[in-house]
Amino acid sequence: MSSERMSAPGSPGRAAPSRALLINALELLRRPGSERTIDVELSAAELGLADARFHADDQVTVNLRLESLSDGIVVLGSIDVPWHGLCRRCLRELSEHTESEVDELYQTVVTDPDAFEIVGDQLDLLPMVRELALLDAPESPLCRPDCAGLCPICGIDLNEGSCNCEAPKAPSPWDVLDGLKARFDDN
């Protein structure tokens, strides 16, 4: 079983960022059991993450191990993605990381319903990495699970203090009928 290591961009022997996730599948498929390791950091811009949750210069860490099978390539590893947003309850600015686990199968002839097809002799992992980043970064995050949010009357952050505001009475769908009943009771 052979093993190769691909370095990250910027150091000697490293592939260009745009090609770091483009793998020669034919080379791996020739030798079932061979492995290739990819440890690379790419910016959100290089991954095409054009979303408000990601800043263009955020560094996404990709750690993958590719193992050749007789009928495909298994991709295992993790992706660490920084994201930014506002807490949906208290509007506090957040900057966090999400780690996505990778366990994907690529096949030249798809026999597994969960497998992706290898097109040509290249295995392009960029769309998979982009998809995991977009799906796993929260769209409406919470700063903490028990966030109390903001007072709807005065706007104070209820995580930091309390207020004496009374919540307005919610209208009832029966209010109109109660009003009619009161008019008939007065007659």
C-alpha atoms as a PDB file:
ATOM      1  CA  MET A   1       0.000   0.000   0.000  1.00  0.00           C
ATOM      2  CA  SER A   2       1.571   3.293  -1.095  1.00  0.00           C
ATOM      3  CA  SER A   3       0.881   6.685   0.388  1.00  0.00           C
ATOM      4  CA  GLU A   4       1.390  10.220  -0.900  1.00  0.00           C
ATOM      5  CA  ARG A   5       1.056  13.507   0.922  1.00  0.00           C
ATOM      6  CA  MET A   6      -0.006  16.723  -0.733  1.00  0.00           C
ATOM      7  CA  SER A   7       1.213  19.855   1.018  1.00  0.00           C
ATOM      8  CA  ALA A   8      -0.688  23.075   1.399  1.00  0.00           C
ATOM      9  CA  PRO A   9      -0.177  26.094  -0.866  1.00  0.00           C
ATOM     10  CA  GLY A  10       2.694  28.448  -0.208  1.00  0.00           C
ATOM     11  CA  SER A  11       5.327  25.924   0.881  1.00  0.00           C
ATOM     12  CA  PRO A  12       7.867  24.112  -1.293  1.00  0.00           C
ATOM     13  CA  GLY A  13       6.362  21.253  -3.273  1.00  0.00           C
ATOM     14  CA  ARG A  14       2.813  22.504  -2.827  1.00  0.00           C
ATOM     15  CA  ALA A  15       0.171  22.522  -5.524  1.00  0.00           C
ATOM     16  CA  ALA A  16      -1.531  25.736  -6.579  1.00  0.00           C
ATOM     17  CA  PRO A  17      -4.679  26.422  -4.498  1.00  0.00           C
ATOM     18  CA  SER A  18      -7.015  26.091  -7.470  1.00  0.00           C
ATOM     19  CA  ARG A  19      -5.603  22.637  -8.221  1.00  0.00           C
ATOM     20  CA  ALA A  20      -5.085  21.412  -4.655  1.00  0.00           C
ATOM     21  CA  LEU A  21      -8.417  19.569  -4.678  1.00  0.00           C
ATOM     22  CA  LEU A  22      -8.155  18.253  -8.241  1.00  0.00           C
ATOM     23  CA  ILE A  23      -6.879  14.664  -7.984  1.00  0.00           C
ATOM     24  CA  ASN A  24      -5.653  12.292 -10.688  1.00  0.00           C
ATOM     25  CA  ALA A  25      -8.158   9.484 -10.073  1.00  0.00           C
ATOM     26  CA  LEU A  26      -6.661   7.232 -12.747  1.00  0.00           C
ATOM     27  CA  GLU A  27      -3.371   7.051 -10.886  1.00  0.00           C
ATOM     28  CA  LEU A  28      -5.099   5.968  -7.663  1.00  0.00           C
ATOM     29  CA  LEU A  29      -7.441   3.507  -9.360  1.00  0.00           C
ATOM     30  CA  ARG A  30      -4.524   1.655 -11.006  1.00  0.00           C
ATOM     31  CA  ARG A  31      -3.360   0.457  -7.602  1.00  0.00           C
ATOM     32  CA  PRO A  32      -6.244  -0.625  -5.321  1.00  0.00           C
ATOM     33  CA  GLY A  33      -5.274  -0.080  -1.699  1.00  0.00           C
ATOM     34  CA  SER A  34      -3.107   2.949  -2.432  1.00  0.00           C
ATOM     35  CA  GLU A  35      -3.706   6.103  -0.420  1.00  0.00           C
ATOM     36  CA  ARG A  36      -3.237   9.797  -0.838  1.00  0.00           C
ATOM     37  CA  THR A  37      -3.427  12.374   1.921  1.00  0.00           C
ATOM     38  CA  ILE A  38      -4.491  15.954   1.324  1.00  0.00           C
ATOM     39  CA  ASP A  39      -3.808  18.546   4.018  1.00  0.00           C
ATOM     40  CA  VAL A  40      -4.441  22.005   2.634  1.00  0.00           C
ATOM     41  CA  GLU A  41      -5.688  25.426   3.711  1.00  0.00           C
ATOM     42  CA  LEU A  42      -7.675  27.390   1.171  1.00  0.00           C
ATOM     43  CA  SER A  43      -9.353  30.759   1.490  1.00  0.00           C
ATOM     44  CA  ALA A  44     -13.124  31.021   1.311  1.00  0.00           C
ATOM     45  CA  ALA A  45     -12.659  32.984  -1.926  1.00  0.00           C
ATOM     46  CA  GLU A  46     -10.613  30.155  -3.493  1.00  0.00           C
ATOM     47  CA  LEU A  47     -13.417  27.729  -2.621  1.00  0.00           C
ATOM     48  CA  GLY A  48     -16.035  30.011  -4.128  1.00  0.00           C
ATOM     49  CA  LEU A  49     -17.853  30.556  -0.830  1.00  0.00           C
ATOM     50  CA  ALA A  50     -19.712  33.724  -1.830  1.00  0.00           C
ATOM     51  CA  ASP A  51     -21.985  33.860   1.190  1.00  0.00           C
ATOM     52  CA  ALA A  52     -22.387  36.443   3.973  1.00  0.00           C
ATOM     53  CA  ARG A  53     -21.364  33.794   6.548  1.00  0.00           C
ATOM     54  CA  PHE A  54     -17.829  33.603   5.125  1.00  0.00           C
ATOM     55  CA  HIS A  55     -15.186  36.292   4.720  1.00  0.00           C
ATOM     56  CA  ALA A  56     -13.066  36.021   1.565  1.00  0.00           C
ATOM     57  CA  ASP A  57      -9.809  35.686   3.531  1.00  0.00           C
ATOM     58  CA  ASP A  58     -11.090  33.049   6.017  1.00  0.00           C
ATOM     59  CA  GLN A  59      -8.866  29.960   5.889  1.00  0.00           C
ATOM     60  CA  VAL A  60     -10.693  26.647   5.437  1.00  0.00           C
ATOM     61  CA  THR A  61      -8.647  23.642   6.585  1.00  0.00           C
ATOM     62  CA  VAL A  62      -9.131  20.482   4.529  1.00  0.00           C
ATOM     63  CA  ASN A  63      -7.731  17.176   5.869  1.00  0.00           C
ATOM     64  CA  LEU A  64      -8.635  14.250   3.634  1.00  0.00           C
ATOM     65  CA  ARG A  65      -7.425  10.704   3.075  1.00  0.00           C
ATOM     66  CA  LEU A  66      -8.233   9.100  -0.255  1.00  0.00           C
ATOM     67  CA  GLU A  67      -8.109   5.310  -0.445  1.00  0.00           C
ATOM     68  CA  SER A  68      -8.355   3.453  -3.707  1.00  0.00           C
ATOM     69  CA  LEU A  69     -10.714   0.491  -3.957  1.00  0.00           C
ATOM     70  CA  SER A  70     -11.121  -1.900  -6.861  1.00  0.00           C
ATOM     71  CA  ASP A  71     -14.223   0.016  -8.026  1.00  0.00           C
ATOM     72  CA  GLY A  72     -13.724   3.541  -6.712  1.00  0.00           C
ATOM     73  CA  ILE A  73     -12.143   5.900  -4.224  1.00  0.00           C
ATOM     74  CA  VAL A  74     -13.197   6.456  -0.615  1.00  0.00           C
ATOM     75  CA  VAL A  75     -12.668   9.983   0.702  1.00  0.00           C
ATOM     76  CA  LEU A  76     -12.468  10.305   4.498  1.00  0.00           C
ATOM     77  CA  GLY A  77     -11.473  13.190   6.725  1.00  0.00           C
ATOM     78  CA  SER A  78     -12.656  16.548   7.971  1.00  0.00           C
ATOM     79  CA  ILE A  79     -13.095  20.139   6.905  1.00  0.00           C
ATOM     80  CA  ASP A  80     -12.771  23.006   9.399  1.00  0.00           C
ATOM     81  CA  VAL A  81     -14.686  26.090   8.264  1.00  0.00           C
ATOM     82  CA  PRO A  82     -14.768  29.477  10.016  1.00  0.00           C
ATOM     83  CA  TRP A  83     -18.107  31.296   9.787  1.00  0.00           C
ATOM     84  CA  HIS A  84     -19.566  34.601  10.939  1.00  0.00           C
ATOM     85  CA  GLY A  85     -23.076  35.693  11.767  1.00  0.00           C
ATOM     86  CA  LEU A  86     -25.466  37.296  14.226  1.00  0.00           C
ATOM     87  CA  CYS A  87     -27.241  35.451  17.034  1.00  0.00           C
ATOM     88  CA  ARG A  88     -30.843  35.141  15.921  1.00  0.00           C
ATOM     89  CA  ARG A  89     -32.146  36.116  19.382  1.00  0.00           C
ATOM     90  CA  CYS A  90     -29.805  38.785  20.820  1.00  0.00           C
ATOM     91  CA  LEU A  91     -28.042  39.968  17.608  1.00  0.00           C
ATOM     92  CA  ARG A  92     -24.573  39.471  19.124  1.00  0.00           C
ATOM     93  CA  GLU A  93     -21.833  39.112  16.489  1.00  0.00           C
ATOM     94  CA  LEU A  94     -20.448  35.588  16.284  1.00  0.00           C
ATOM     95  CA  SER A  95     -17.262  34.153  14.768  1.00  0.00           C
ATOM     96  CA  GLU A  96     -17.070  30.392  15.122  1.00  0.00           C
ATOM     97  CA  HIS A  97     -15.782  27.255  13.378  1.00  0.00           C
ATOM     98  CA  THR A  98     -17.716  24.264  12.112  1.00  0.00           C
ATOM     99  CA  GLU A  99     -16.013  20.927  11.584  1.00  0.00           C
ATOM    100  CA  SER A 100     -17.573  18.754   8.905  1.00  0.00           C
ATOM    101  CA  GLU A 101     -16.839  15.047   8.736  1.00  0.00           C
ATOM    102  CA  VAL A 102     -16.213  13.654   5.269  1.00  0.00           C
ATOM    103  CA  ASP A 103     -17.101  10.093   4.271  1.00  0.00           C
ATOM    104  CA  GLU A 104     -17.783   9.938   0.535  1.00  0.00           C
ATOM    105  CA  LEU A 105     -17.461   7.312  -2.176  1.00  0.00           C
ATOM    106  CA  TYR A 106     -16.567   8.120  -5.781  1.00  0.00           C
ATOM    107  CA  GLN A 107     -16.933   5.430  -8.483  1.00  0.00           C
ATOM    108  CA  THR A 108     -16.234   5.284 -12.219  1.00  0.00           C
ATOM    109  CA  VAL A 109     -19.368   3.144 -12.664  1.00  0.00           C
ATOM    110  CA  VAL A 110     -21.823   4.051  -9.919  1.00  0.00           C
ATOM    111  CA  THR A 111     -23.120   0.900  -8.236  1.00  0.00           C
ATOM    112  CA  ASP A 112     -23.767   2.397  -4.791  1.00  0.00           C
ATOM    113  CA  PRO A 113     -26.757   4.793  -4.611  1.00  0.00           C
ATOM    114  CA  ASP A 114     -24.800   7.099  -2.275  1.00  0.00           C
ATOM    115  CA  ALA A 115     -21.712   7.268  -4.522  1.00  0.00           C
ATOM    116  CA  PHE A 116     -20.631  10.108  -6.777  1.00  0.00           C
ATOM    117  CA  GLU A 117     -19.436   9.480 -10.311  1.00  0.00           C
ATOM    118  CA  ILE A 118     -15.800   9.978 -11.298  1.00  0.00           C
ATOM    119  CA  VAL A 119     -15.928  11.904 -14.566  1.00  0.00           C
ATOM    120  CA  GLY A 120     -12.884  11.498 -16.807  1.00  0.00           C
ATOM    121  CA  ASP A 121      -9.618  10.782 -15.069  1.00  0.00           C
ATOM    122  CA  GLN A 122      -9.925  13.615 -12.527  1.00  0.00           C
ATOM    123  CA  LEU A 123     -11.555  13.679  -9.135  1.00  0.00           C
ATOM    124  CA  ASP A 124     -12.585  17.263  -8.337  1.00  0.00           C
ATOM    125  CA  LEU A 125     -13.152  17.545  -4.581  1.00  0.00           C
ATOM    126  CA  LEU A 126     -13.779  21.304  -4.640  1.00  0.00           C
ATOM    127  CA  PRO A 127     -17.593  21.042  -5.133  1.00  0.00           C
ATOM    128  CA  MET A 128     -17.857  18.544  -2.242  1.00  0.00           C
ATOM    129  CA  VAL A 129     -15.817  20.784   0.093  1.00  0.00           C
ATOM    130  CA  ARG A 130     -17.863  23.853  -0.907  1.00  0.00           C
ATOM    131  CA  GLU A 131     -21.137  21.991  -0.415  1.00  0.00           C
ATOM    132  CA  LEU A 132     -20.188  20.752   3.069  1.00  0.00           C
ATOM    133  CA  ALA A 133     -19.103  24.246   4.114  1.00  0.00           C
ATOM    134  CA  LEU A 134     -22.353  25.797   2.918  1.00  0.00           C
ATOM    135  CA  LEU A 135     -24.573  23.101   4.427  1.00  0.00           C
ATOM    136  CA  ASP A 136     -22.871  22.782   7.819  1.00  0.00           C
ATOM    137  CA  ALA A 137     -22.330  26.462   8.683  1.00  0.00           C
ATOM    138  CA  PRO A 138     -25.476  27.660  10.498  1.00  0.00           C
ATOM    139  CA  GLU A 139     -27.680  30.180   8.706  1.00  0.00           C
ATOM    140  CA  SER A 140     -29.398  31.454  11.864  1.00  0.00           C
ATOM    141  CA  PRO A 141     -27.025  30.659  14.751  1.00  0.00           C
ATOM    142  CA  LEU A 142     -27.457  31.087  18.480  1.00  0.00           C
ATOM    143  CA  CYS A 143     -24.726  32.518  20.702  1.00  0.00           C
ATOM    144  CA  ARG A 144     -25.677  29.812  23.218  1.00  0.00           C
ATOM    145  CA  PRO A 145     -28.577  27.359  23.482  1.00  0.00           C
ATOM    146  CA  ASP A 146     -30.266  29.239  26.338  1.00  0.00           C
ATOM    147  CA  CYS A 147     -29.959  32.724  24.809  1.00  0.00           C
ATOM    148  CA  ALA A 148     -32.741  34.894  26.291  1.00  0.00           C
ATOM    149  CA  GLY A 149     -32.719  37.342  23.368  1.00  0.00           C
ATOM    150  CA  LEU A 150     -33.824  40.975  23.385  1.00  0.00           C
ATOM    151  CA  CYS A 151     -36.807  42.531  25.167  1.00  0.00           C
ATOM    152  CA  PRO A 152     -39.413  43.231  22.448  1.00  0.00           C
ATOM    153  CA  ILE A 153     -40.414  46.474  24.211  1.00  0.00           C
ATOM    154  CA  CYS A 154     -37.184  48.237  25.262  1.00  0.00           C
ATOM    155  CA  GLY A 155     -34.559  46.178  23.374  1.00  0.00           C
ATOM    156  CA  ILE A 156     -32.326  45.343  26.347  1.00  0.00           C
ATOM    157  CA  ASP A 157     -30.202  42.199  25.997  1.00  0.00           C
ATOM    158  CA  LEU A 158     -31.896  39.842  28.463  1.00  0.00           C
ATOM    159  CA  ASN A 159     -28.671  37.793  28.748  1.00  0.00           C
ATOM    160  CA  GLU A 160     -26.984  40.760  30.442  1.00  0.00           C
ATOM    161  CA  GLY A 161     -29.838  42.143  32.533  1.00  0.00           C
ATOM    162  CA  SER A 162     -33.562  42.322  33.029  1.00  0.00           C
ATOM    163  CA  CYS A 163     -36.225  44.969  32.506  1.00  0.00           C
ATOM    164  CA  ASN A 164     -39.641  45.782  33.951  1.00  0.00           C
ATOM    165  CA  CYS A 165     -41.484  45.817  30.655  1.00  0.00           C
ATOM    166  CA  GLU A 166     -44.787  43.984  30.435  1.00  0.00           C
ATOM    167  CA  ALA A 167     -45.403  41.934  27.338  1.00  0.00           C
ATOM    168  CA  PRO A 168     -48.331  43.319  25.323  1.00  0.00           C
ATOM    169  CA  LYS A 169     -51.516  41.291  25.429  1.00  0.00           C
ATOM    170  CA  ALA A 170     -51.737  39.192  22.294  1.00  0.00           C
ATOM    171  CA  PRO A 171     -55.034  39.602  20.447  1.00  0.00           C
ATOM    172  CA  SER A 172     -57.348  36.619  20.652  1.00  0.00           C
ATOM    173  CA  PRO A 173     -59.331  35.409  17.666  1.00  0.00           C
ATOM    174  CA  TRP A 174     -62.350  35.432  20.032  1.00  0.00           C
ATOM    175  CA  ASP A 175     -62.092  39.180  20.827  1.00  0.00           C
ATOM    176  CA  VAL A 176     -64.536  40.117  18.043  1.00  0.00           C
ATOM    177  CA  LEU A 177     -67.132  37.619  19.271  1.00  0.00           C
ATOM    178  CA  ASP A 178     -66.642  38.740  22.880  1.00  0.00           C
ATOM    179  CA  GLY A 179     -67.342  42.317  21.726  1.00  0.00           C
ATOM    180  CA  LEU A 180     -70.571  41.242  20.013  1.00  0.00           C
ATOM    181  CA  LYS A 181     -71.639  39.282  23.059  1.00  0.00           C
ATOM    182  CA  ALA A 182     -71.026  42.308  25.294  1.00  0.00           C
ATOM    183  CA  ARG A 183     -73.234  44.450  23.004  1.00  0.00           C
ATOM    184  CA  PHE A 184     -76.108  41.948  23.198  1.00  0.00           C
ATOM    185  CA  ASP A 185     -75.741  41.587  26.965  1.00  0.00           C
ATOM    186  CA  ASP A 186     -76.118  45.381  27.346  1.00  0.00           C
ATOM    187  CA  ASN A 187     -79.510  45.294  25.535  1.00  0.00           C
END
